[in-house]
Amino acid sequence: MARGRPSKKSHIVEAACELFTKQGYQSTSIDQVVLTAAVSKPTVYSNFPTKLVLWETALSALTERAQEEMEQALSSQNTTADSDFIAGWIALWSEWIVKPERLASYRILLGEQHKMAPSTFALFAEFEAVLESTLLAWMTVFSVPNERFFILKAVSKEALLTPALMNQTITGKDELRAQLETLSY
């Protein structure tokens, strides 16, 4: 393999990520991945024996990417001098839901649970742990008790993630701020 060039396997995963994000799991076929990645079907099947294995590999890649991006977002929040806990919390959640591939991951898991293996659920738990660890790290910066995590997360999920998943209007920052302020300390 030449330096600087992605491997065929990673190229296939990127093509699959793109298709899963746009079309979901059910509507993405191996034939479409073959066309998008411009590789042969035997090449795909030699690396990924089933579509589920391909999805799990794509989910792992999305988790790694999310980890890097959320570490950057947390670092950015930590360096903002005028940031307060609630503003940073909302900013971190906003960073999480702005990525179509993350929303697609939730939709795939929720919509295709019956097709997923236990290993898929474990990988999804790792995916969600990226957000949770970022939020917990943010709470530590402001000495917010960990006992508040569940309720802060639940309110934020209902106000931001659920509407984003359903293509509805998310709760405004001011309204969410007012709700979270009563819960954070």
N, C-alpha and C. Protein backbone atom coordinates (compact mmCIF):
# COMPACT_ATOMS: atom_id res chain seq x y z
N MET A 1 0.84 -1.19 0.00
CA MET A 1 0.00 0.00 0.00
C MET A 1 0.88 1.24 0.00
N ALA A 2 0.54 2.20 -0.83
CA ALA A 2 1.30 3.43 -0.92
C ALA A 2 1.05 4.30 0.31
N ARG A 3 2.06 5.07 0.68
CA ARG A 3 1.91 5.97 1.82
C ARG A 3 0.88 7.05 1.51
N GLY A 4 0.09 7.38 2.53
CA GLY A 4 -0.87 8.46 2.38
C GLY A 4 -2.18 8.05 1.74
N ARG A 5 -2.20 6.88 1.11
CA ARG A 5 -3.43 6.41 0.50
C ARG A 5 -4.19 5.56 1.49
N PRO A 6 -5.49 5.77 1.58
CA PRO A 6 -6.26 4.94 2.50
C PRO A 6 -6.34 3.50 1.96
N SER A 7 -6.44 2.56 2.86
CA SER A 7 -6.58 1.17 2.44
C SER A 7 -7.94 0.98 1.79
N LYS A 8 -8.06 -0.08 1.02
CA LYS A 8 -9.35 -0.37 0.40
C LYS A 8 -10.41 -0.58 1.47
N LYS A 9 -10.02 -1.24 2.54
CA LYS A 9 -10.98 -1.51 3.62
C LYS A 9 -11.52 -0.21 4.20
N SER A 10 -10.64 0.74 4.50
CA SER A 10 -11.11 2.01 5.06
C SER A 10 -11.90 2.80 4.02
N HIS A 11 -11.53 2.67 2.75
CA HIS A 11 -12.28 3.33 1.68
C HIS A 11 -13.70 2.76 1.59
N ILE A 12 -13.82 1.46 1.71
CA ILE A 12 -15.13 0.82 1.70
C ILE A 12 -15.95 1.28 2.90
N VAL A 13 -15.32 1.35 4.06
CA VAL A 13 -16.02 1.79 5.28
C VAL A 13 -16.52 3.22 5.11
N GLU A 14 -15.69 4.10 4.57
CA GLU A 14 -16.12 5.49 4.36
C GLU A 14 -17.31 5.57 3.38
N ALA A 15 -17.25 4.78 2.32
CA ALA A 15 -18.37 4.75 1.37
C ALA A 15 -19.63 4.23 2.05
N ALA A 16 -19.48 3.20 2.85
CA ALA A 16 -20.62 2.64 3.58
C ALA A 16 -21.18 3.65 4.58
N CYS A 17 -20.30 4.35 5.29
CA CYS A 17 -20.75 5.38 6.24
C CYS A 17 -21.62 6.41 5.55
N GLU A 18 -21.15 6.85 4.41
CA GLU A 18 -21.89 7.84 3.63
C GLU A 18 -23.27 7.32 3.24
N LEU A 19 -23.32 6.09 2.76
CA LEU A 19 -24.60 5.51 2.34
C LEU A 19 -25.52 5.25 3.54
N PHE A 20 -24.98 4.70 4.62
CA PHE A 20 -25.80 4.46 5.81
C PHE A 20 -26.35 5.77 6.35
N THR A 21 -25.56 6.83 6.28
CA THR A 21 -26.01 8.14 6.77
C THR A 21 -27.15 8.68 5.90
N LYS A 22 -27.02 8.56 4.61
CA LYS A 22 -28.02 9.10 3.69
C LYS A 22 -29.27 8.23 3.60
N GLN A 23 -29.08 6.90 3.62
CA GLN A 23 -30.19 6.00 3.29
C GLN A 23 -30.64 5.11 4.44
N GLY A 24 -29.84 5.00 5.48
CA GLY A 24 -30.16 4.08 6.56
C GLY A 24 -29.61 2.69 6.27
N TYR A 25 -29.84 1.81 7.19
CA TYR A 25 -29.32 0.43 7.07
C TYR A 25 -30.12 -0.37 6.06
N GLN A 26 -31.43 -0.37 6.21
CA GLN A 26 -32.31 -1.17 5.36
C GLN A 26 -32.14 -0.84 3.88
N SER A 27 -32.03 0.43 3.56
CA SER A 27 -32.00 0.85 2.15
C SER A 27 -30.61 0.83 1.53
N THR A 28 -29.61 0.49 2.31
CA THR A 28 -28.25 0.42 1.77
C THR A 28 -27.92 -1.03 1.44
N SER A 29 -27.55 -1.26 0.21
CA SER A 29 -27.19 -2.62 -0.21
C SER A 29 -25.68 -2.71 -0.41
N ILE A 30 -25.20 -3.93 -0.37
CA ILE A 30 -23.78 -4.17 -0.65
C ILE A 30 -23.46 -3.73 -2.08
N ASP A 31 -24.38 -3.93 -3.01
CA ASP A 31 -24.17 -3.48 -4.39
C ASP A 31 -23.95 -1.97 -4.47
N GLN A 32 -24.69 -1.21 -3.67
CA GLN A 32 -24.50 0.24 -3.64
C GLN A 32 -23.13 0.60 -3.06
N VAL A 33 -22.71 -0.13 -2.03
CA VAL A 33 -21.40 0.11 -1.45
C VAL A 33 -20.32 -0.18 -2.48
N VAL A 34 -20.48 -1.27 -3.24
CA VAL A 34 -19.53 -1.63 -4.30
C VAL A 34 -19.42 -0.49 -5.31
N LEU A 35 -20.56 0.05 -5.74
CA LEU A 35 -20.55 1.14 -6.72
C LEU A 35 -19.94 2.41 -6.15
N THR A 36 -20.34 2.77 -4.93
CA THR A 36 -19.85 4.00 -4.32
C THR A 36 -18.36 3.94 -4.05
N ALA A 37 -17.90 2.79 -3.57
CA ALA A 37 -16.47 2.64 -3.26
C ALA A 37 -15.64 2.33 -4.50
N ALA A 38 -16.30 2.01 -5.60
CA ALA A 38 -15.62 1.65 -6.85
C ALA A 38 -14.64 0.50 -6.64
N VAL A 39 -15.15 -0.54 -6.00
CA VAL A 39 -14.37 -1.77 -5.79
C VAL A 39 -15.24 -2.94 -6.24
N SER A 40 -14.64 -4.10 -6.29
CA SER A 40 -15.40 -5.28 -6.70
C SER A 40 -16.18 -5.85 -5.52
N LYS A 41 -17.22 -6.59 -5.86
CA LYS A 41 -18.02 -7.23 -4.81
C LYS A 41 -17.18 -8.22 -4.01
N PRO A 42 -16.31 -9.02 -4.65
CA PRO A 42 -15.46 -9.92 -3.86
C PRO A 42 -14.54 -9.16 -2.88
N THR A 43 -14.12 -7.96 -3.25
CA THR A 43 -13.29 -7.17 -2.35
C THR A 43 -14.08 -6.78 -1.11
N VAL A 44 -15.32 -6.38 -1.30
CA VAL A 44 -16.17 -6.03 -0.15
C VAL A 44 -16.39 -7.25 0.71
N TYR A 45 -16.79 -8.36 0.10
CA TYR A 45 -17.10 -9.56 0.88
C TYR A 45 -15.86 -10.19 1.51
N SER A 46 -14.70 -9.98 0.95
CA SER A 46 -13.49 -10.53 1.58
C SER A 46 -13.14 -9.76 2.86
N ASN A 47 -13.56 -8.52 2.93
CA ASN A 47 -13.33 -7.70 4.12
C ASN A 47 -14.51 -7.71 5.08
N PHE A 48 -15.71 -7.83 4.54
CA PHE A 48 -16.94 -7.74 5.34
C PHE A 48 -17.90 -8.85 4.88
N PRO A 49 -17.93 -9.96 5.58
CA PRO A 49 -18.73 -11.09 5.12
C PRO A 49 -20.24 -10.85 5.10
N THR A 50 -20.71 -9.88 5.88
CA THR A 50 -22.14 -9.55 5.89
C THR A 50 -22.30 -8.03 5.98
N LYS A 51 -23.49 -7.59 5.66
CA LYS A 51 -23.79 -6.16 5.78
C LYS A 51 -23.71 -5.72 7.24
N LEU A 52 -24.10 -6.59 8.15
CA LEU A 52 -24.04 -6.25 9.57
C LEU A 52 -22.59 -6.02 10.01
N VAL A 53 -21.68 -6.84 9.55
CA VAL A 53 -20.26 -6.65 9.88
C VAL A 53 -19.77 -5.32 9.31
N LEU A 54 -20.21 -4.99 8.12
CA LEU A 54 -19.85 -3.70 7.52
C LEU A 54 -20.41 -2.56 8.36
N TRP A 55 -21.68 -2.67 8.78
CA TRP A 55 -22.28 -1.62 9.61
C TRP A 55 -21.53 -1.50 10.93
N GLU A 56 -21.20 -2.59 11.56
CA GLU A 56 -20.48 -2.53 12.83
C GLU A 56 -19.11 -1.88 12.67
N THR A 57 -18.45 -2.16 11.57
CA THR A 57 -17.15 -1.53 11.30
C THR A 57 -17.34 -0.04 11.05
N ALA A 58 -18.39 0.31 10.33
CA ALA A 58 -18.70 1.73 10.09
C ALA A 58 -19.02 2.43 11.41
N LEU A 59 -19.79 1.78 12.27
CA LEU A 59 -20.14 2.37 13.57
C LEU A 59 -18.88 2.58 14.42
N SER A 60 -17.96 1.64 14.37
CA SER A 60 -16.69 1.81 15.09
C SER A 60 -15.91 3.01 14.56
N ALA A 61 -15.90 3.16 13.24
CA ALA A 61 -15.20 4.31 12.63
C ALA A 61 -15.89 5.61 13.02
N LEU A 62 -17.22 5.62 13.04
CA LEU A 62 -17.96 6.81 13.44
C LEU A 62 -17.71 7.14 14.91
N THR A 63 -17.56 6.13 15.72
CA THR A 63 -17.28 6.34 17.15
C THR A 63 -15.91 6.97 17.33
N GLU A 64 -14.92 6.47 16.61
CA GLU A 64 -13.57 7.05 16.68
C GLU A 64 -13.58 8.50 16.24
N ARG A 65 -14.27 8.78 15.16
CA ARG A 65 -14.37 10.15 14.65
C ARG A 65 -15.08 11.05 15.67
N ALA A 66 -16.16 10.54 16.24
CA ALA A 66 -16.91 11.31 17.24
C ALA A 66 -16.04 11.60 18.46
N GLN A 67 -15.22 10.62 18.86
CA GLN A 67 -14.34 10.82 20.01
C GLN A 67 -13.38 11.99 19.75
N GLU A 68 -12.78 12.00 18.59
CA GLU A 68 -11.84 13.09 18.24
C GLU A 68 -12.57 14.43 18.21
N GLU A 69 -13.73 14.46 17.58
CA GLU A 69 -14.46 15.72 17.44
C GLU A 69 -14.97 16.23 18.78
N MET A 70 -15.43 15.33 19.63
CA MET A 70 -15.94 15.77 20.94
C MET A 70 -14.81 16.18 21.87
N GLU A 71 -13.64 15.56 21.74
CA GLU A 71 -12.48 16.01 22.51
C GLU A 71 -12.11 17.44 22.10
N GLN A 72 -12.17 17.72 20.81
CA GLN A 72 -11.91 19.07 20.33
C GLN A 72 -12.96 20.05 20.84
N ALA A 73 -14.22 19.63 20.81
CA ALA A 73 -15.29 20.51 21.29
C ALA A 73 -15.13 20.79 22.78
N LEU A 74 -14.77 19.79 23.55
CA LEU A 74 -14.56 19.98 24.98
C LEU A 74 -13.38 20.89 25.23
N SER A 75 -12.32 20.68 24.50
CA SER A 75 -11.14 21.53 24.63
C SER A 75 -11.47 22.98 24.27
N SER A 76 -12.26 23.14 23.23
CA SER A 76 -12.68 24.48 22.82
C SER A 76 -13.51 25.15 23.91
N GLN A 77 -14.41 24.39 24.53
CA GLN A 77 -15.22 24.93 25.62
C GLN A 77 -14.36 25.29 26.82
N ASN A 78 -13.36 24.46 27.11
CA ASN A 78 -12.49 24.70 28.25
C ASN A 78 -11.63 25.95 28.08
N THR A 79 -11.37 26.33 26.83
CA THR A 79 -10.53 27.50 26.59
C THR A 79 -11.34 28.78 26.42
N THR A 80 -12.66 28.66 26.42
CA THR A 80 -13.51 29.84 26.29
C THR A 80 -13.66 30.48 27.67
N ALA A 81 -13.11 31.64 27.82
CA ALA A 81 -13.05 32.31 29.13
C ALA A 81 -14.44 32.65 29.67
N ASP A 82 -15.37 33.03 28.80
CA ASP A 82 -16.67 33.48 29.28
C ASP A 82 -17.71 32.35 29.34
N SER A 83 -17.28 31.12 29.15
CA SER A 83 -18.21 30.00 29.15
C SER A 83 -18.69 29.68 30.56
N ASP A 84 -19.97 29.41 30.65
CA ASP A 84 -20.52 28.95 31.91
C ASP A 84 -20.98 27.50 31.71
N PHE A 85 -21.34 26.85 32.78
CA PHE A 85 -21.69 25.43 32.70
C PHE A 85 -22.81 25.16 31.71
N ILE A 86 -23.91 25.87 31.83
CA ILE A 86 -25.07 25.60 30.98
C ILE A 86 -24.77 25.90 29.51
N ALA A 87 -24.11 27.01 29.24
CA ALA A 87 -23.77 27.35 27.86
C ALA A 87 -22.88 26.28 27.24
N GLY A 88 -21.89 25.84 27.99
CA GLY A 88 -21.00 24.79 27.51
C GLY A 88 -21.72 23.47 27.32
N TRP A 89 -22.59 23.13 28.26
CA TRP A 89 -23.37 21.89 28.17
C TRP A 89 -24.21 21.88 26.89
N ILE A 90 -24.90 22.98 26.64
CA ILE A 90 -25.73 23.09 25.44
C ILE A 90 -24.86 23.05 24.18
N ALA A 91 -23.71 23.71 24.22
CA ALA A 91 -22.80 23.71 23.07
C ALA A 91 -22.30 22.30 22.76
N LEU A 92 -21.99 21.53 23.80
CA LEU A 92 -21.51 20.16 23.59
C LEU A 92 -22.62 19.29 23.00
N TRP A 93 -23.82 19.43 23.52
CA TRP A 93 -24.95 18.69 22.95
C TRP A 93 -25.19 19.11 21.50
N SER A 94 -25.10 20.40 21.25
CA SER A 94 -25.32 20.90 19.88
C SER A 94 -24.28 20.34 18.93
N GLU A 95 -23.05 20.25 19.39
CA GLU A 95 -21.99 19.64 18.57
C GLU A 95 -22.31 18.18 18.27
N TRP A 96 -22.88 17.49 19.23
CA TRP A 96 -23.20 16.07 19.06
C TRP A 96 -24.30 15.88 18.01
N ILE A 97 -25.34 16.69 18.07
CA ILE A 97 -26.49 16.45 17.19
C ILE A 97 -26.36 17.09 15.82
N VAL A 98 -25.34 17.90 15.60
CA VAL A 98 -25.20 18.58 14.32
C VAL A 98 -24.68 17.64 13.22
N LYS A 99 -24.11 16.52 13.60
CA LYS A 99 -23.51 15.60 12.62
C LYS A 99 -24.55 14.60 12.12
N PRO A 100 -24.86 14.62 10.83
CA PRO A 100 -25.86 13.69 10.28
C PRO A 100 -25.51 12.22 10.53
N GLU A 101 -24.23 11.87 10.50
CA GLU A 101 -23.86 10.47 10.70
C GLU A 101 -24.16 9.99 12.12
N ARG A 102 -24.12 10.91 13.08
CA ARG A 102 -24.46 10.51 14.45
C ARG A 102 -25.96 10.28 14.58
N LEU A 103 -26.74 11.18 13.99
CA LEU A 103 -28.19 10.99 14.02
C LEU A 103 -28.58 9.72 13.27
N ALA A 104 -27.92 9.45 12.16
CA ALA A 104 -28.20 8.24 11.40
C ALA A 104 -27.90 7.00 12.23
N SER A 105 -26.86 7.05 13.04
CA SER A 105 -26.52 5.90 13.89
C SER A 105 -27.65 5.60 14.87
N TYR A 106 -28.21 6.63 15.48
CA TYR A 106 -29.36 6.44 16.37
C TYR A 106 -30.55 5.87 15.60
N ARG A 107 -30.83 6.45 14.44
CA ARG A 107 -31.98 5.99 13.65
C ARG A 107 -31.83 4.54 13.24
N ILE A 108 -30.63 4.17 12.84
CA ILE A 108 -30.39 2.78 12.44
C ILE A 108 -30.61 1.85 13.61
N LEU A 109 -30.03 2.17 14.75
CA LEU A 109 -30.19 1.29 15.90
C LEU A 109 -31.65 1.20 16.32
N LEU A 110 -32.33 2.34 16.38
CA LEU A 110 -33.72 2.34 16.82
C LEU A 110 -34.65 1.66 15.81
N GLY A 111 -34.37 1.85 14.54
CA GLY A 111 -35.25 1.31 13.51
C GLY A 111 -34.96 -0.11 13.08
N GLU A 112 -33.77 -0.56 13.33
CA GLU A 112 -33.37 -1.88 12.85
C GLU A 112 -32.90 -2.81 13.98
N GLN A 113 -33.38 -2.57 15.18
CA GLN A 113 -32.94 -3.37 16.33
C GLN A 113 -33.06 -4.86 16.10
N HIS A 114 -34.13 -5.25 15.45
CA HIS A 114 -34.39 -6.67 15.23
C HIS A 114 -33.35 -7.34 14.35
N LYS A 115 -32.58 -6.55 13.60
CA LYS A 115 -31.55 -7.11 12.71
C LYS A 115 -30.15 -7.06 13.32
N MET A 116 -30.04 -6.44 14.47
CA MET A 116 -28.73 -6.22 15.08
C MET A 116 -28.35 -7.36 16.02
N ALA A 117 -27.05 -7.58 16.12
CA ALA A 117 -26.51 -8.60 17.00
C ALA A 117 -26.14 -7.96 18.34
N PRO A 118 -25.94 -8.76 19.37
CA PRO A 118 -25.49 -8.20 20.66
C PRO A 118 -24.22 -7.36 20.51
N SER A 119 -23.36 -7.75 19.59
CA SER A 119 -22.13 -6.97 19.37
C SER A 119 -22.45 -5.57 18.86
N THR A 120 -23.53 -5.44 18.11
CA THR A 120 -23.94 -4.12 17.61
C THR A 120 -24.35 -3.21 18.76
N PHE A 121 -25.10 -3.78 19.69
CA PHE A 121 -25.55 -2.99 20.85
C PHE A 121 -24.35 -2.58 21.71
N ALA A 122 -23.37 -3.45 21.82
CA ALA A 122 -22.15 -3.10 22.57
C ALA A 122 -21.40 -1.96 21.88
N LEU A 123 -21.32 -2.01 20.56
CA LEU A 123 -20.66 -0.93 19.82
C LEU A 123 -21.44 0.37 19.94
N PHE A 124 -22.76 0.28 19.93
CA PHE A 124 -23.56 1.48 20.10
C PHE A 124 -23.37 2.07 21.49
N ALA A 125 -23.23 1.23 22.49
CA ALA A 125 -22.97 1.71 23.85
C ALA A 125 -21.65 2.48 23.88
N GLU A 126 -20.65 2.00 23.15
CA GLU A 126 -19.37 2.73 23.05
C GLU A 126 -19.57 4.07 22.36
N PHE A 127 -20.40 4.07 21.33
CA PHE A 127 -20.71 5.30 20.60
C PHE A 127 -21.34 6.32 21.54
N GLU A 128 -22.35 5.93 22.28
CA GLU A 128 -23.01 6.85 23.22
C GLU A 128 -22.09 7.24 24.37
N ALA A 129 -21.16 6.37 24.73
CA ALA A 129 -20.23 6.68 25.82
C ALA A 129 -19.34 7.86 25.48
N VAL A 130 -19.14 8.11 24.19
CA VAL A 130 -18.35 9.28 23.78
C VAL A 130 -19.03 10.56 24.27
N LEU A 131 -20.32 10.67 24.03
CA LEU A 131 -21.07 11.85 24.49
C LEU A 131 -21.07 11.91 26.01
N GLU A 132 -21.37 10.78 26.64
CA GLU A 132 -21.46 10.77 28.10
C GLU A 132 -20.14 11.15 28.77
N SER A 133 -19.04 10.63 28.27
CA SER A 133 -17.75 10.96 28.89
C SER A 133 -17.40 12.43 28.69
N THR A 134 -17.79 12.98 27.55
CA THR A 134 -17.56 14.41 27.29
C THR A 134 -18.37 15.25 28.27
N LEU A 135 -19.63 14.90 28.43
CA LEU A 135 -20.50 15.65 29.34
C LEU A 135 -20.04 15.52 30.79
N LEU A 136 -19.63 14.33 31.18
CA LEU A 136 -19.13 14.14 32.55
C LEU A 136 -17.85 14.95 32.79
N ALA A 137 -16.99 15.00 31.78
CA ALA A 137 -15.76 15.81 31.91
C ALA A 137 -16.13 17.28 32.07
N TRP A 138 -17.14 17.74 31.34
CA TRP A 138 -17.59 19.12 31.45
C TRP A 138 -18.15 19.39 32.85
N MET A 139 -18.89 18.45 33.38
CA MET A 139 -19.44 18.61 34.72
C MET A 139 -18.31 18.74 35.76
N THR A 140 -17.24 18.01 35.55
CA THR A 140 -16.11 18.05 36.47
C THR A 140 -15.47 19.43 36.50
N VAL A 141 -15.39 20.07 35.36
CA VAL A 141 -14.80 21.41 35.28
C VAL A 141 -15.53 22.38 36.21
N PHE A 142 -16.84 22.20 36.33
CA PHE A 142 -17.66 23.12 37.13
C PHE A 142 -18.09 22.52 38.47
N SER A 143 -17.52 21.38 38.80
CA SER A 143 -17.84 20.70 40.07
C SER A 143 -19.34 20.46 40.25
N VAL A 144 -20.00 20.15 39.15
CA VAL A 144 -21.41 19.78 39.23
C VAL A 144 -21.46 18.33 39.69
N PRO A 145 -22.25 18.04 40.72
CA PRO A 145 -22.30 16.67 41.24
C PRO A 145 -22.75 15.66 40.18
N ASN A 146 -22.09 14.51 40.15
CA ASN A 146 -22.42 13.47 39.19
C ASN A 146 -23.86 12.98 39.33
N GLU A 147 -24.45 13.16 40.51
CA GLU A 147 -25.84 12.74 40.71
C GLU A 147 -26.79 13.51 39.79
N ARG A 148 -26.37 14.64 39.29
CA ARG A 148 -27.20 15.47 38.41
C ARG A 148 -27.14 15.01 36.96
N PHE A 149 -26.19 14.14 36.65
CA PHE A 149 -25.96 13.76 35.26
C PHE A 149 -27.20 13.19 34.59
N PHE A 150 -27.83 12.23 35.23
CA PHE A 150 -28.96 11.55 34.60
C PHE A 150 -30.07 12.53 34.22
N ILE A 151 -30.42 13.39 35.13
CA ILE A 151 -31.54 14.30 34.84
C ILE A 151 -31.14 15.37 33.81
N LEU A 152 -29.91 15.87 33.90
CA LEU A 152 -29.45 16.83 32.90
C LEU A 152 -29.42 16.19 31.51
N LYS A 153 -28.94 14.96 31.45
CA LYS A 153 -28.88 14.25 30.18
C LYS A 153 -30.28 13.98 29.65
N ALA A 154 -31.18 13.55 30.52
CA ALA A 154 -32.54 13.24 30.08
C ALA A 154 -33.25 14.47 29.51
N VAL A 155 -33.13 15.58 30.19
CA VAL A 155 -33.77 16.82 29.72
C VAL A 155 -33.15 17.25 28.39
N SER A 156 -31.83 17.18 28.29
CA SER A 156 -31.15 17.58 27.07
C SER A 156 -31.49 16.66 25.91
N LYS A 157 -31.59 15.38 26.19
CA LYS A 157 -31.93 14.41 25.16
C LYS A 157 -33.33 14.70 24.60
N GLU A 158 -34.27 14.96 25.49
CA GLU A 158 -35.64 15.26 25.06
C GLU A 158 -35.73 16.61 24.33
N ALA A 159 -34.91 17.56 24.74
CA ALA A 159 -34.98 18.90 24.15
C ALA A 159 -34.19 19.01 22.86
N LEU A 160 -33.14 18.22 22.71
CA LEU A 160 -32.25 18.38 21.55
C LEU A 160 -32.18 17.14 20.65
N LEU A 161 -31.81 16.00 21.23
CA LEU A 161 -31.58 14.81 20.42
C LEU A 161 -32.88 14.27 19.81
N THR A 162 -33.90 14.08 20.63
CA THR A 162 -35.14 13.50 20.12
C THR A 162 -35.75 14.35 19.00
N PRO A 163 -35.87 15.67 19.17
CA PRO A 163 -36.40 16.45 18.04
C PRO A 163 -35.50 16.39 16.79
N ALA A 164 -34.19 16.36 17.00
CA ALA A 164 -33.28 16.27 15.85
C ALA A 164 -33.50 14.95 15.11
N LEU A 165 -33.69 13.88 15.85
CA LEU A 165 -33.93 12.57 15.23
C LEU A 165 -35.24 12.54 14.45
N MET A 166 -36.21 13.29 14.92
CA MET A 166 -37.53 13.29 14.31
C MET A 166 -37.74 14.45 13.34
N ASN A 167 -36.64 15.16 13.05
CA ASN A 167 -36.70 16.32 12.15
C ASN A 167 -37.72 17.35 12.61
N GLN A 168 -37.75 17.57 13.92
CA GLN A 168 -38.63 18.57 14.51
C GLN A 168 -37.77 19.73 15.02
N THR A 169 -38.43 20.79 15.40
CA THR A 169 -37.73 21.95 15.94
C THR A 169 -37.19 21.61 17.32
N ILE A 170 -35.92 21.88 17.52
CA ILE A 170 -35.34 21.62 18.83
C ILE A 170 -35.68 22.77 19.77
N THR A 171 -35.63 22.49 21.05
CA THR A 171 -35.92 23.50 22.06
C THR A 171 -34.90 24.63 21.94
N GLY A 172 -35.38 25.87 22.04
CA GLY A 172 -34.49 27.03 21.96
C GLY A 172 -33.50 27.05 23.12
N LYS A 173 -32.36 27.66 22.87
CA LYS A 173 -31.30 27.70 23.89
C LYS A 173 -31.75 28.39 25.17
N ASP A 174 -32.49 29.48 25.05
CA ASP A 174 -32.94 30.20 26.25
C ASP A 174 -33.90 29.35 27.08
N GLU A 175 -34.83 28.71 26.40
CA GLU A 175 -35.78 27.85 27.11
C GLU A 175 -35.07 26.67 27.77
N LEU A 176 -34.16 26.06 27.03
CA LEU A 176 -33.40 24.93 27.58
C LEU A 176 -32.53 25.39 28.74
N ARG A 177 -31.91 26.54 28.60
CA ARG A 177 -31.08 27.10 29.68
C ARG A 177 -31.90 27.24 30.95
N ALA A 178 -33.09 27.78 30.82
CA ALA A 178 -33.95 27.97 31.99
C ALA A 178 -34.28 26.63 32.66
N GLN A 179 -34.56 25.61 31.85
CA GLN A 179 -34.86 24.29 32.40
C GLN A 179 -33.64 23.69 33.10
N LEU A 180 -32.49 23.80 32.47
CA LEU A 180 -31.28 23.18 33.01
C LEU A 180 -30.74 23.89 34.25
N GLU A 181 -30.92 25.20 34.31
CA GLU A 181 -30.41 25.95 35.46
C GLU A 181 -31.03 25.47 36.76
N THR A 182 -32.27 25.09 36.73
CA THR A 182 -32.92 24.61 37.96
C THR A 182 -32.45 23.22 38.36
N LEU A 183 -31.81 22.51 37.44
CA LEU A 183 -31.40 21.13 37.69
C LEU A 183 -29.91 20.95 37.95
N SER A 184 -29.10 21.92 37.61
CA SER A 184 -27.65 21.69 37.60
C SER A 184 -26.97 21.78 38.94
N TYR A 185 -27.52 22.49 39.90
CA TYR A 185 -26.80 22.64 41.17
C TYR A 185 -27.59 22.18 42.36
